[in-house]
């Protein structure tokens, strides 16, 4: 009777390569999941801080009026009056 203790077949070179590649892929997937979870937690931290702000700060107009541009209304002081 022969002893067969190699249940995982680690003696086979092809299996060892497949196992190493699979382990590295799972490790990379775990790092990616951790990164995505960290981004998710940071987003929820922003939502939590926004909930702590007073209501007036959410409804107030923009303190820097030149921070965005608006297109002029048609026919208003553009030099191209269509009369």
Protein backbone atom coordinates (compact mmCIF):
# COMPACT_ATOMS: atom_id res chain seq x y z
CA UNK A 1 0.00 0.00 0.00
CA UNK A 2 1.49 3.36 -1.00
CA UNK A 3 1.15 6.49 1.03
CA UNK A 4 -0.54 9.26 -0.89
CA UNK A 5 -0.30 12.39 1.26
CA UNK A 6 -0.32 14.95 -1.57
CA UNK A 7 -4.04 15.77 -1.48
CA UNK A 8 -3.59 19.21 -3.07
CA UNK A 9 -1.29 17.88 -5.79
CA UNK A 10 1.32 20.52 -4.98
CA UNK A 11 4.04 18.32 -6.35
CA UNK A 12 2.67 18.91 -9.87
CA UNK A 13 4.36 21.99 -11.38
CA UNK A 14 1.32 22.97 -13.48
CA UNK A 15 -0.99 22.90 -10.47
CA UNK A 16 1.45 24.98 -8.41
CA UNK A 17 1.54 27.69 -11.10
CA UNK A 18 -2.26 27.75 -11.29
CA UNK A 19 -2.52 27.98 -7.50
CA UNK A 20 -0.01 30.83 -7.31
CA UNK A 21 -1.75 32.81 -10.07
CA UNK A 22 -5.15 32.27 -8.47
CA UNK A 23 -3.84 33.39 -5.08
CA UNK A 24 -2.34 36.54 -6.60
CA UNK A 25 -5.59 37.33 -8.44
CA UNK A 26 -7.61 36.92 -5.23
CA UNK A 27 -5.14 39.13 -3.37
CA UNK A 28 -5.52 41.84 -6.03
CA UNK A 29 -9.31 41.55 -5.88
CA UNK A 30 -9.16 41.97 -2.10
CA UNK A 31 -7.05 45.12 -2.47
CA UNK A 32 -9.51 46.50 -5.04
CA UNK A 33 -12.47 45.75 -2.76
CA UNK A 34 -10.70 47.46 0.14
CA UNK A 35 -10.00 50.52 -2.02
CA UNK A 36 -13.64 50.73 -3.18
CA UNK A 37 -14.87 50.33 0.39
CA UNK A 38 -12.57 53.17 1.51
CA UNK A 39 -13.95 55.44 -1.22
CA UNK A 40 -17.48 54.49 -0.12
CA UNK A 41 -16.68 55.37 3.51
CA UNK A 42 -15.22 58.73 2.49
CA UNK A 43 -18.39 59.50 0.53
CA UNK A 44 -20.56 58.67 3.52
CA UNK A 45 -18.35 60.89 5.70
CA UNK A 46 -19.13 63.80 3.36
CA UNK A 47 -22.85 63.01 3.57
CA UNK A 48 -22.64 62.88 7.37
CA UNK A 49 -20.82 66.24 7.57
CA UNK A 50 -23.33 67.79 5.16
CA UNK A 51 -26.12 66.64 7.47
CA UNK A 52 -24.51 68.50 10.35
CA UNK A 53 -24.52 71.83 8.49
CA UNK A 54 -27.31 74.30 9.24
CA UNK A 55 -30.17 74.53 6.76
CA UNK A 56 -29.36 78.16 5.90
CA UNK A 57 -25.97 77.19 4.51
CA UNK A 58 -27.62 74.79 2.09
CA UNK A 59 -30.10 77.35 0.76
CA UNK A 60 -27.80 80.39 0.62
CA UNK A 61 -26.70 81.76 -2.76
CA UNK A 62 -23.20 81.17 -4.02
CA UNK A 63 -20.77 83.54 -2.26
CA UNK A 64 -18.63 83.85 -5.41
CA UNK A 65 -20.94 84.92 -8.23
CA UNK A 66 -18.20 84.60 -10.84
CA UNK A 67 -17.60 80.94 -10.09
CA UNK A 68 -19.88 79.91 -12.92
CA UNK A 69 -20.93 81.40 -16.24
CA UNK A 70 -24.46 81.74 -17.52
CA UNK A 71 -25.43 82.20 -21.13
CA UNK A 72 -27.16 85.53 -21.75
CA UNK A 73 -30.87 85.43 -22.45
CA UNK A 74 -31.78 85.61 -26.16
CA UNK A 75 -32.07 89.21 -27.39
CA UNK A 76 -30.58 90.83 -24.28
CA UNK A 77 -27.71 93.30 -24.70
CA UNK A 78 -25.61 91.07 -26.87
CA UNK A 79 -25.27 93.53 -29.75
CA UNK A 80 -27.36 91.32 -32.00
CA UNK A 81 -30.84 92.77 -31.60
CA UNK A 82 -33.35 91.25 -33.97
CA UNK A 83 -35.82 94.11 -34.28
